[in-house]
Amino acid sequence: PPFFNLTFTPVMLLALAILPAGPLLAWKRGDAGAVMRRLWVALAAAAVLGLVTYGLIVPRKALASAGVALGFWLIGGALAELAERVKLLRVPLAQTWRRATGLPRGAWGTTLAHAGMGVFVLGASFETAWRVEQAQALSLGQSFRLGAYSLTLQDVGTVEGPNYLAERGKVAIVDQAGRLVCAARPERRFYPTGGQTTSEVHICPKGLDDLYIVLGERRAGEGGKPAWLVRAYVNPWVRLIFLGPLLMALGGAISLSDRRIRLGVGRRASETAA
């Protein structure tokens, strides 16, 4: 509902913004000023990275850049909290190592979980704001541009599956230097039994990004030549959306393995003898 969206989003953003300060605040004795003095480097670095994102990435998007700054703030705050625990650069390295090896697993789990949330925010900000998509009807040999890539429909053939017939395309994706990035083979499948038609997306991984290629229906092209609708998407940093929750789950598992956090299993007390 609109009211839920208007109220939940600011509360969620506020909770994320103060998340790095939580582990440094003592219960009922928290000093916000002292905590921010410990975290000011992480906060300044996150603000600078957010401004750099706004200045370098086109099109410029203020909200997405603020989301990037929030993601770096969560990661930097988690690392700053860990550095505070081990007194990094404040004591000799040998003592820092002893403190690090002596930390409870719950502390490591907290750092991983908070950093994982920052990784997820980074991926979500980039993927939703700077996603690029293009759709165009191509005959064999024709191309179109998609961001920094060029896509060429090289061939379309018919293949027979166990319970379907399909048109399988071959799409060559090259970068600006002319190097082949991926040879995508998306399919458009028809299931005679149910009379359904589906599209099988081909995913081309490129670092943290994913390229999605979809082969659409056949139509008439230029000069009466057959053409196929090709849809393509560039999802930047989409892999961080999956890596972040994995880090959070790993942090939770490490925290639960801490011997200080154990659940006692109830057991019926034995009756005393008469």
C-alpha atoms as a PDB file:
ATOM      1  CA  PRO A   1       0.000   0.000   0.000  1.00  0.00           C
ATOM      2  CA  PRO A   2       1.176   3.589  -0.588  1.00  0.00           C
ATOM      3  CA  PHE A   3       1.168   4.431   3.129  1.00  0.00           C
ATOM      4  CA  PHE A   4       3.292   1.360   3.864  1.00  0.00           C
ATOM      5  CA  ASN A   5       5.800   2.359   1.168  1.00  0.00           C
ATOM      6  CA  LEU A   6       6.004   5.937   2.431  1.00  0.00           C
ATOM      7  CA  THR A   7       6.580   4.912   6.036  1.00  0.00           C
ATOM      8  CA  PHE A   8       8.617   1.737   5.665  1.00  0.00           C
ATOM      9  CA  THR A   9      11.264   3.041   3.267  1.00  0.00           C
ATOM     10  CA  PRO A  10      12.471   5.980   5.422  1.00  0.00           C
ATOM     11  CA  VAL A  11      12.494   3.787   8.524  1.00  0.00           C
ATOM     12  CA  MET A  12      14.466   1.103   6.706  1.00  0.00           C
ATOM     13  CA  LEU A  13      16.982   3.624   5.367  1.00  0.00           C
ATOM     14  CA  LEU A  14      17.410   5.140   8.829  1.00  0.00           C
ATOM     15  CA  ALA A  15      17.980   1.694  10.308  1.00  0.00           C
ATOM     16  CA  LEU A  16      20.609   0.932   7.678  1.00  0.00           C
ATOM     17  CA  ALA A  17      22.297   4.292   8.208  1.00  0.00           C
ATOM     18  CA  ILE A  18      22.785   3.698  11.943  1.00  0.00           C
ATOM     19  CA  LEU A  19      23.615  -0.009  11.579  1.00  0.00           C
ATOM     20  CA  PRO A  20      27.444   0.412  11.727  1.00  0.00           C
ATOM     21  CA  ALA A  21      27.166   2.336  14.992  1.00  0.00           C
ATOM     22  CA  GLY A  22      25.138  -0.365  16.747  1.00  0.00           C
ATOM     23  CA  PRO A  23      27.968  -2.727  17.774  1.00  0.00           C
ATOM     24  CA  LEU A  24      29.972   0.219  19.195  1.00  0.00           C
ATOM     25  CA  LEU A  25      27.171   1.488  21.428  1.00  0.00           C
ATOM     26  CA  ALA A  26      27.163   0.070  24.929  1.00  0.00           C
ATOM     27  CA  TRP A  27      23.756  -0.820  26.378  1.00  0.00           C
ATOM     28  CA  LYS A  28      22.323   2.201  28.261  1.00  0.00           C
ATOM     29  CA  ARG A  29      25.784   3.792  28.234  1.00  0.00           C
ATOM     30  CA  GLY A  30      26.171   4.618  24.571  1.00  0.00           C
ATOM     31  CA  ASP A  31      28.060   7.750  23.543  1.00  0.00           C
ATOM     32  CA  ALA A  32      27.039   8.725  20.005  1.00  0.00           C
ATOM     33  CA  GLY A  33      29.747  11.366  19.725  1.00  0.00           C
ATOM     34  CA  ALA A  34      32.520   8.937  20.639  1.00  0.00           C
ATOM     35  CA  VAL A  35      31.161   6.360  18.206  1.00  0.00           C
ATOM     36  CA  MET A  36      31.106   8.830  15.321  1.00  0.00           C
ATOM     37  CA  ARG A  37      34.675   9.849  16.093  1.00  0.00           C
ATOM     38  CA  ARG A  38      35.604   6.210  15.544  1.00  0.00           C
ATOM     39  CA  LEU A  39      33.596   5.928  12.340  1.00  0.00           C
ATOM     40  CA  TRP A  40      34.315   9.281  10.719  1.00  0.00           C
ATOM     41  CA  VAL A  41      36.898   7.811   8.313  1.00  0.00           C
ATOM     42  CA  ALA A  42      34.405   5.242   7.023  1.00  0.00           C
ATOM     43  CA  LEU A  43      31.703   7.902   6.739  1.00  0.00           C
ATOM     44  CA  ALA A  44      33.979  10.310   4.863  1.00  0.00           C
ATOM     45  CA  ALA A  45      35.166   7.568   2.496  1.00  0.00           C
ATOM     46  CA  ALA A  46      31.575   6.517   1.764  1.00  0.00           C
ATOM     47  CA  ALA A  47      30.564  10.120   1.034  1.00  0.00           C
ATOM     48  CA  VAL A  48      33.525  10.592  -1.317  1.00  0.00           C
ATOM     49  CA  LEU A  49      32.761   7.353  -3.170  1.00  0.00           C
ATOM     50  CA  GLY A  50      29.127   8.384  -3.514  1.00  0.00           C
ATOM     51  CA  LEU A  51      30.162  11.737  -5.015  1.00  0.00           C
ATOM     52  CA  VAL A  52      32.612  10.007  -7.358  1.00  0.00           C
ATOM     53  CA  THR A  53      29.821   7.696  -8.519  1.00  0.00           C
ATOM     54  CA  TYR A  54      27.545  10.652  -9.154  1.00  0.00           C
ATOM     55  CA  GLY A  55      30.246  12.475 -11.085  1.00  0.00           C
ATOM     56  CA  LEU A  56      31.564   9.616 -13.229  1.00  0.00           C
ATOM     57  CA  ILE A  57      28.619   7.357 -14.067  1.00  0.00           C
ATOM     58  CA  VAL A  58      26.245   8.572 -16.767  1.00  0.00           C
ATOM     59  CA  PRO A  59      23.347   9.172 -16.530  1.00  0.00           C
ATOM     60  CA  ARG A  60      23.837  10.903 -13.213  1.00  0.00           C
ATOM     61  CA  LYS A  61      21.359   9.743 -10.580  1.00  0.00           C
ATOM     62  CA  ALA A  62      21.451  11.308  -7.142  1.00  0.00           C
ATOM     63  CA  LEU A  63      19.360   8.710  -5.297  1.00  0.00           C
ATOM     64  CA  ALA A  64      21.316   5.801  -6.761  1.00  0.00           C
ATOM     65  CA  SER A  65      24.599   7.506  -5.879  1.00  0.00           C
ATOM     66  CA  ALA A  66      23.301   7.975  -2.332  1.00  0.00           C
ATOM     67  CA  GLY A  67      22.508   4.242  -2.288  1.00  0.00           C
ATOM     68  CA  VAL A  68      26.080   3.501  -3.367  1.00  0.00           C
ATOM     69  CA  ALA A  69      27.376   5.738  -0.565  1.00  0.00           C
ATOM     70  CA  LEU A  70      25.114   3.880   1.893  1.00  0.00           C
ATOM     71  CA  GLY A  71      26.490   0.524   0.723  1.00  0.00           C
ATOM     72  CA  PHE A  72      30.091   1.664   1.170  1.00  0.00           C
ATOM     73  CA  TRP A  73      29.154   3.132   4.557  1.00  0.00           C
ATOM     74  CA  LEU A  74      27.822  -0.239   5.722  1.00  0.00           C
ATOM     75  CA  ILE A  75      30.932  -2.072   4.521  1.00  0.00           C
ATOM     76  CA  GLY A  76      33.335   0.554   5.860  1.00  0.00           C
ATOM     77  CA  GLY A  77      31.502   0.742   9.184  1.00  0.00           C
ATOM     78  CA  ALA A  78      31.699  -3.034   9.618  1.00  0.00           C
ATOM     79  CA  LEU A  79      35.436  -3.008   8.889  1.00  0.00           C
ATOM     80  CA  ALA A  80      35.974   0.001  11.162  1.00  0.00           C
ATOM     81  CA  GLU A  81      34.173  -1.776  13.999  1.00  0.00           C
ATOM     82  CA  LEU A  82      36.401  -4.821  13.503  1.00  0.00           C
ATOM     83  CA  ALA A  83      39.513  -2.608  13.413  1.00  0.00           C
ATOM     84  CA  GLU A  84      38.367  -1.013  16.671  1.00  0.00           C
ATOM     85  CA  ARG A  85      38.075  -4.416  18.318  1.00  0.00           C
ATOM     86  CA  VAL A  86      41.583  -5.503  17.337  1.00  0.00           C
ATOM     87  CA  LYS A  87      43.059  -1.998  17.861  1.00  0.00           C
ATOM     88  CA  LEU A  88      44.492  -1.927  14.345  1.00  0.00           C
ATOM     89  CA  LEU A  89      47.406   0.530  13.942  1.00  0.00           C
ATOM     90  CA  ARG A  90      47.118   1.472  17.626  1.00  0.00           C
ATOM     91  CA  VAL A  91      49.114  -1.412  19.099  1.00  0.00           C
ATOM     92  CA  PRO A  92      51.929  -3.584  17.701  1.00  0.00           C
ATOM     93  CA  LEU A  93      50.932  -5.985  14.936  1.00  0.00           C
ATOM     94  CA  ALA A  94      51.648  -9.015  17.104  1.00  0.00           C
ATOM     95  CA  GLN A  95      49.162  -7.800  19.695  1.00  0.00           C
ATOM     96  CA  THR A  96      46.634  -6.979  16.959  1.00  0.00           C
ATOM     97  CA  TRP A  97      46.968 -10.532  15.665  1.00  0.00           C
ATOM     98  CA  ARG A  98      46.448 -11.973  19.142  1.00  0.00           C
ATOM     99  CA  ARG A  99      43.329  -9.878  19.618  1.00  0.00           C
ATOM    100  CA  ALA A 100      42.010 -10.936  16.197  1.00  0.00           C
ATOM    101  CA  THR A 101      42.534 -14.633  16.870  1.00  0.00           C
ATOM    102  CA  GLY A 102      40.940 -14.216  20.293  1.00  0.00           C
ATOM    103  CA  LEU A 103      37.764 -12.564  19.039  1.00  0.00           C
ATOM    104  CA  PRO A 104      34.615 -14.627  19.537  1.00  0.00           C
ATOM    105  CA  ARG A 105      33.001 -16.052  16.433  1.00  0.00           C
ATOM    106  CA  GLY A 106      29.991 -13.852  17.048  1.00  0.00           C
ATOM    107  CA  ALA A 107      32.108 -10.754  16.353  1.00  0.00           C
ATOM    108  CA  TRP A 108      33.295 -12.146  13.033  1.00  0.00           C
ATOM    109  CA  GLY A 109      29.747 -13.125  12.163  1.00  0.00           C
ATOM    110  CA  THR A 110      28.503  -9.612  12.888  1.00  0.00           C
ATOM    111  CA  THR A 111      31.165  -8.091  10.648  1.00  0.00           C
ATOM    112  CA  LEU A 112      30.327 -10.454   7.791  1.00  0.00           C
ATOM    113  CA  ALA A 113      26.581  -9.900   8.122  1.00  0.00           C
ATOM    114  CA  HIS A 114      26.848  -6.097   8.174  1.00  0.00           C
ATOM    115  CA  ALA A 115      29.304  -6.076   5.274  1.00  0.00           C
ATOM    116  CA  GLY A 116      27.006  -8.434   3.366  1.00  0.00           C
ATOM    117  CA  MET A 117      24.162  -5.968   3.767  1.00  0.00           C
ATOM    118  CA  GLY A 118      26.395  -3.265   2.291  1.00  0.00           C
ATOM    119  CA  VAL A 119      27.317  -5.508  -0.640  1.00  0.00           C
ATOM    120  CA  PHE A 120      23.625  -6.146  -1.304  1.00  0.00           C
ATOM    121  CA  VAL A 121      22.815  -2.418  -1.195  1.00  0.00           C
ATOM    122  CA  LEU A 122      25.611  -1.719  -3.700  1.00  0.00           C
ATOM    123  CA  GLY A 123      24.310  -4.339  -6.104  1.00  0.00           C
ATOM    124  CA  ALA A 124      20.687  -3.237  -5.768  1.00  0.00           C
ATOM    125  CA  SER A 125      21.584   0.430  -6.310  1.00  0.00           C
ATOM    126  CA  PHE A 126      23.614  -0.240  -9.449  1.00  0.00           C
ATOM    127  CA  GLU A 127      21.281  -2.826 -10.969  1.00  0.00           C
ATOM    128  CA  THR A 128      18.092  -0.816 -10.567  1.00  0.00           C
ATOM    129  CA  ALA A 129      19.508   2.571 -11.551  1.00  0.00           C
ATOM    130  CA  TRP A 130      21.938   1.816 -14.375  1.00  0.00           C
ATOM    131  CA  ARG A 131      20.349  -1.188 -16.007  1.00  0.00           C
ATOM    132  CA  VAL A 132      20.495  -0.913 -19.816  1.00  0.00           C
ATOM    133  CA  GLU A 133      18.020  -2.645 -22.124  1.00  0.00           C
ATOM    134  CA  GLN A 134      17.393  -2.659 -25.847  1.00  0.00           C
ATOM    135  CA  ALA A 135      14.995  -4.482 -28.163  1.00  0.00           C
ATOM    136  CA  GLN A 136      15.169  -4.563 -31.946  1.00  0.00           C
ATOM    137  CA  ALA A 137      14.024  -6.804 -34.806  1.00  0.00           C
ATOM    138  CA  LEU A 138      17.121  -8.221 -36.504  1.00  0.00           C
ATOM    139  CA  SER A 139      17.609 -10.174 -39.682  1.00  0.00           C
ATOM    140  CA  LEU A 140      20.600 -12.461 -40.014  1.00  0.00           C
ATOM    141  CA  GLY A 141      23.800 -10.419 -39.969  1.00  0.00           C
ATOM    142  CA  GLN A 142      22.236  -7.276 -38.488  1.00  0.00           C
ATOM    143  CA  SER A 143      23.461  -5.662 -35.264  1.00  0.00           C
ATOM    144  CA  PHE A 144      22.545  -3.101 -32.631  1.00  0.00           C
ATOM    145  CA  ARG A 145      24.352  -1.372 -29.778  1.00  0.00           C
ATOM    146  CA  LEU A 146      23.744  -2.121 -26.127  1.00  0.00           C
ATOM    147  CA  GLY A 147      25.771   0.170 -23.884  1.00  0.00           C
ATOM    148  CA  ALA A 148      29.414  -0.748 -24.413  1.00  0.00           C
ATOM    149  CA  TYR A 149      28.568  -3.863 -26.448  1.00  0.00           C
ATOM    150  CA  SER A 150      27.518  -4.675 -30.001  1.00  0.00           C
ATOM    151  CA  LEU A 151      25.151  -7.590 -30.650  1.00  0.00           C
ATOM    152  CA  THR A 152      24.917  -9.381 -34.000  1.00  0.00           C
ATOM    153  CA  LEU A 153      22.334 -12.029 -34.885  1.00  0.00           C
ATOM    154  CA  GLN A 154      24.428 -14.596 -36.758  1.00  0.00           C
ATOM    155  CA  ASP A 155      22.080 -17.544 -37.145  1.00  0.00           C
ATOM    156  CA  VAL A 156      18.685 -18.974 -36.183  1.00  0.00           C
ATOM    157  CA  GLY A 157      18.078 -22.711 -36.415  1.00  0.00           C
ATOM    158  CA  THR A 158      15.417 -25.214 -35.416  1.00  0.00           C
ATOM    159  CA  VAL A 159      16.107 -27.739 -32.670  1.00  0.00           C
ATOM    160  CA  GLU A 160      13.916 -30.478 -31.234  1.00  0.00           C
ATOM    161  CA  GLY A 161      13.779 -31.115 -27.511  1.00  0.00           C
ATOM    162  CA  PRO A 162      12.236 -33.988 -25.561  1.00  0.00           C
ATOM    163  CA  ASN A 163       8.795 -32.340 -25.518  1.00  0.00           C
ATOM    164  CA  TYR A 164       9.208 -29.096 -27.448  1.00  0.00           C
ATOM    165  CA  LEU A 165      10.284 -27.530 -30.710  1.00  0.00           C
ATOM    166  CA  ALA A 166      12.525 -24.474 -30.537  1.00  0.00           C
ATOM    167  CA  GLU A 167      14.126 -21.775 -32.582  1.00  0.00           C
ATOM    168  CA  ARG A 168      17.664 -21.295 -31.306  1.00  0.00           C
ATOM    169  CA  GLY A 169      19.507 -18.130 -32.149  1.00  0.00           C
ATOM    170  CA  LYS A 170      23.216 -17.420 -32.169  1.00  0.00           C
ATOM    171  CA  VAL A 171      24.041 -13.895 -31.031  1.00  0.00           C
ATOM    172  CA  ALA A 172      27.642 -12.693 -31.003  1.00  0.00           C
ATOM    173  CA  ILE A 173      28.422 -10.055 -28.368  1.00  0.00           C
ATOM    174  CA  VAL A 174      31.592  -8.009 -28.804  1.00  0.00           C
ATOM    175  CA  ASP A 175      32.996  -5.143 -26.748  1.00  0.00           C
ATOM    176  CA  GLN A 176      34.247  -1.774 -27.939  1.00  0.00           C
ATOM    177  CA  ALA A 177      37.660  -3.257 -28.774  1.00  0.00           C
ATOM    178  CA  GLY A 178      36.050  -5.814 -31.075  1.00  0.00           C
ATOM    179  CA  ARG A 179      36.738  -8.762 -28.779  1.00  0.00           C
ATOM    180  CA  LEU A 180      34.145 -11.519 -28.515  1.00  0.00           C
ATOM    181  CA  VAL A 181      32.568 -11.399 -25.058  1.00  0.00           C
ATOM    182  CA  CYS A 182      29.973 -14.116 -25.416  1.00  0.00           C
ATOM    183  CA  ALA A 183      28.294 -16.290 -28.038  1.00  0.00           C
ATOM    184  CA  ALA A 184      24.736 -16.344 -26.730  1.00  0.00           C
ATOM    185  CA  ARG A 185      22.250 -19.028 -27.776  1.00  0.00           C
ATOM    186  CA  PRO A 186      18.786 -17.954 -26.607  1.00  0.00           C
ATOM    187  CA  GLU A 187      15.766 -20.082 -27.540  1.00  0.00           C
ATOM    188  CA  ARG A 188      12.093 -19.625 -28.225  1.00  0.00           C
ATOM    189  CA  ARG A 189      10.359 -22.886 -27.349  1.00  0.00           C
ATOM    190  CA  PHE A 190       6.943 -24.220 -28.331  1.00  0.00           C
ATOM    191  CA  TYR A 191       5.322 -27.051 -26.366  1.00  0.00           C
ATOM    192  CA  PRO A 192       2.754 -28.830 -28.580  1.00  0.00           C
ATOM    193  CA  THR A 193       1.071 -30.636 -25.700  1.00  0.00           C
ATOM    194  CA  GLY A 194       0.053 -27.525 -23.814  1.00  0.00           C
ATOM    195  CA  GLY A 195       0.216 -25.094 -26.719  1.00  0.00           C
ATOM    196  CA  GLN A 196       2.587 -22.831 -24.764  1.00  0.00           C
ATOM    197  CA  THR A 197       5.456 -20.720 -26.035  1.00  0.00           C
ATOM    198  CA  THR A 198       8.307 -19.711 -23.732  1.00  0.00           C
ATOM    199  CA  SER A 199      11.606 -17.881 -24.065  1.00  0.00           C
ATOM    200  CA  GLU A 200      14.813 -19.373 -22.688  1.00  0.00           C
ATOM    201  CA  VAL A 201      17.112 -16.555 -21.629  1.00  0.00           C
ATOM    202  CA  HIS A 202      20.840 -16.898 -22.222  1.00  0.00           C
ATOM    203  CA  ILE A 203      22.887 -15.322 -19.429  1.00  0.00           C
ATOM    204  CA  CYS A 204      26.404 -14.132 -20.247  1.00  0.00           C
ATOM    205  CA  PRO A 205      28.410 -13.393 -17.077  1.00  0.00           C
ATOM    206  CA  LYS A 206      30.849 -10.499 -17.342  1.00  0.00           C
ATOM    207  CA  GLY A 207      32.598  -9.934 -14.029  1.00  0.00           C
ATOM    208  CA  LEU A 208      30.030  -8.542 -11.616  1.00  0.00           C
ATOM    209  CA  ASP A 209      27.629  -7.845 -14.513  1.00  0.00           C
ATOM    210  CA  ASP A 210      25.225 -10.130 -16.354  1.00  0.00           C
ATOM    211  CA  LEU A 211      24.042  -9.828 -19.948  1.00  0.00           C
ATOM    212  CA  TYR A 212      20.599 -11.308 -20.635  1.00  0.00           C
ATOM    213  CA  ILE A 213      19.755 -12.212 -24.235  1.00  0.00           C
ATOM    214  CA  VAL A 214      16.188 -13.150 -25.256  1.00  0.00           C
ATOM    215  CA  LEU A 215      15.017 -14.357 -28.676  1.00  0.00           C
ATOM    216  CA  GLY A 216      11.507 -13.157 -29.516  1.00  0.00           C
ATOM    217  CA  GLU A 217       8.946 -13.921 -32.182  1.00  0.00           C
ATOM    218  CA  ARG A 218       9.647 -13.969 -35.903  1.00  0.00           C
ATOM    219  CA  ARG A 219       8.408 -11.048 -37.971  1.00  0.00           C
ATOM    220  CA  ALA A 220       8.915  -9.439 -41.366  1.00  0.00           C
ATOM    221  CA  GLY A 221      12.114  -7.447 -41.675  1.00  0.00           C
ATOM    222  CA  GLU A 222      13.557  -5.074 -44.226  1.00  0.00           C
ATOM    223  CA  GLY A 223      13.059  -6.166 -47.824  1.00  0.00           C
ATOM    224  CA  GLY A 224      10.761  -8.971 -46.773  1.00  0.00           C
ATOM    225  CA  LYS A 225      13.566 -10.856 -45.044  1.00  0.00           C
ATOM    226  CA  PRO A 226      12.634 -12.781 -41.890  1.00  0.00           C
ATOM    227  CA  ALA A 227      13.608 -11.030 -38.674  1.00  0.00           C
ATOM    228  CA  TRP A 228      13.488 -11.944 -35.016  1.00  0.00           C
ATOM    229  CA  LEU A 229      12.910  -9.645 -32.074  1.00  0.00           C
ATOM    230  CA  VAL A 230      16.045  -9.693 -29.911  1.00  0.00           C
ATOM    231  CA  ARG A 231      15.882  -8.254 -26.404  1.00  0.00           C
ATOM    232  CA  ALA A 232      19.065  -7.652 -24.455  1.00  0.00           C
ATOM    233  CA  TYR A 233      19.741  -6.380 -20.945  1.00  0.00           C
ATOM    234  CA  VAL A 234      22.915  -5.341 -19.125  1.00  0.00           C
ATOM    235  CA  ASN A 235      22.496  -5.760 -15.376  1.00  0.00           C
ATOM    236  CA  PRO A 236      25.486  -4.052 -13.728  1.00  0.00           C
ATOM    237  CA  TRP A 237      26.768  -5.438 -10.435  1.00  0.00           C
ATOM    238  CA  VAL A 238      23.817  -7.823 -10.268  1.00  0.00           C
ATOM    239  CA  ARG A 239      25.974 -10.565  -8.775  1.00  0.00           C
ATOM    240  CA  LEU A 240      26.403  -8.480  -5.628  1.00  0.00           C
ATOM    241  CA  ILE A 241      22.661  -8.886  -5.025  1.00  0.00           C
ATOM    242  CA  PHE A 242      23.290 -12.612  -4.543  1.00  0.00           C
ATOM    243  CA  LEU A 243      26.713 -12.315  -2.893  1.00  0.00           C
ATOM    244  CA  GLY A 244      25.410  -9.985  -0.166  1.00  0.00           C
ATOM    245  CA  PRO A 245      22.780 -12.400   1.233  1.00  0.00           C
ATOM    246  CA  LEU A 246      25.318 -15.237   1.065  1.00  0.00           C
ATOM    247  CA  LEU A 247      27.687 -13.207   3.240  1.00  0.00           C
ATOM    248  CA  MET A 248      24.839 -12.404   5.638  1.00  0.00           C
ATOM    249  CA  ALA A 249      23.878 -16.077   5.868  1.00  0.00           C
ATOM    250  CA  LEU A 250      27.515 -17.040   6.440  1.00  0.00           C
ATOM    251  CA  GLY A 251      27.795 -14.409   9.163  1.00  0.00           C
ATOM    252  CA  GLY A 252      24.665 -15.728  10.838  1.00  0.00           C
ATOM    253  CA  ALA A 253      25.965 -19.309  10.715  1.00  0.00           C
ATOM    254  CA  ILE A 254      29.307 -18.250  12.210  1.00  0.00           C
ATOM    255  CA  SER A 255      27.530 -16.322  14.964  1.00  0.00           C
ATOM    256  CA  LEU A 256      25.306 -19.305  15.790  1.00  0.00           C
ATOM    257  CA  SER A 257      28.401 -21.493  16.074  1.00  0.00           C
ATOM    258  CA  ASP A 258      29.692 -19.272  18.887  1.00  0.00           C
ATOM    259  CA  ARG A 259      29.727 -21.259  22.098  1.00  0.00           C
ATOM    260  CA  ARG A 260      28.322 -18.276  23.980  1.00  0.00           C
ATOM    261  CA  ILE A 261      25.110 -18.583  21.918  1.00  0.00           C
ATOM    262  CA  ARG A 262      23.704 -21.989  22.611  1.00  0.00           C
ATOM    263  CA  LEU A 263      20.139 -23.045  23.051  1.00  0.00           C
ATOM    264  CA  GLY A 264      19.419 -25.336  25.925  1.00  0.00           C
ATOM    265  CA  VAL A 265      17.239 -28.303  25.069  1.00  0.00           C
ATOM    266  CA  GLY A 266      14.457 -28.852  27.560  1.00  0.00           C
ATOM    267  CA  ARG A 267      14.383 -32.173  29.376  1.00  0.00           C
ATOM    268  CA  ARG A 268      11.821 -33.637  31.735  1.00  0.00           C
ATOM    269  CA  ALA A 269      13.059 -33.699  35.301  1.00  0.00           C
ATOM    270  CA  SER A 270      13.316 -37.185  36.793  1.00  0.00           C
ATOM    271  CA  GLU A 271      10.912 -37.993  39.596  1.00  0.00           C
ATOM    272  CA  THR A 272      12.509 -38.386  43.000  1.00  0.00           C
ATOM    273  CA  ALA A 273      12.168 -41.727  44.689  1.00  0.00           C
ATOM    274  CA  ALA A 274       9.653 -41.995  47.466  1.00  0.00           C
END
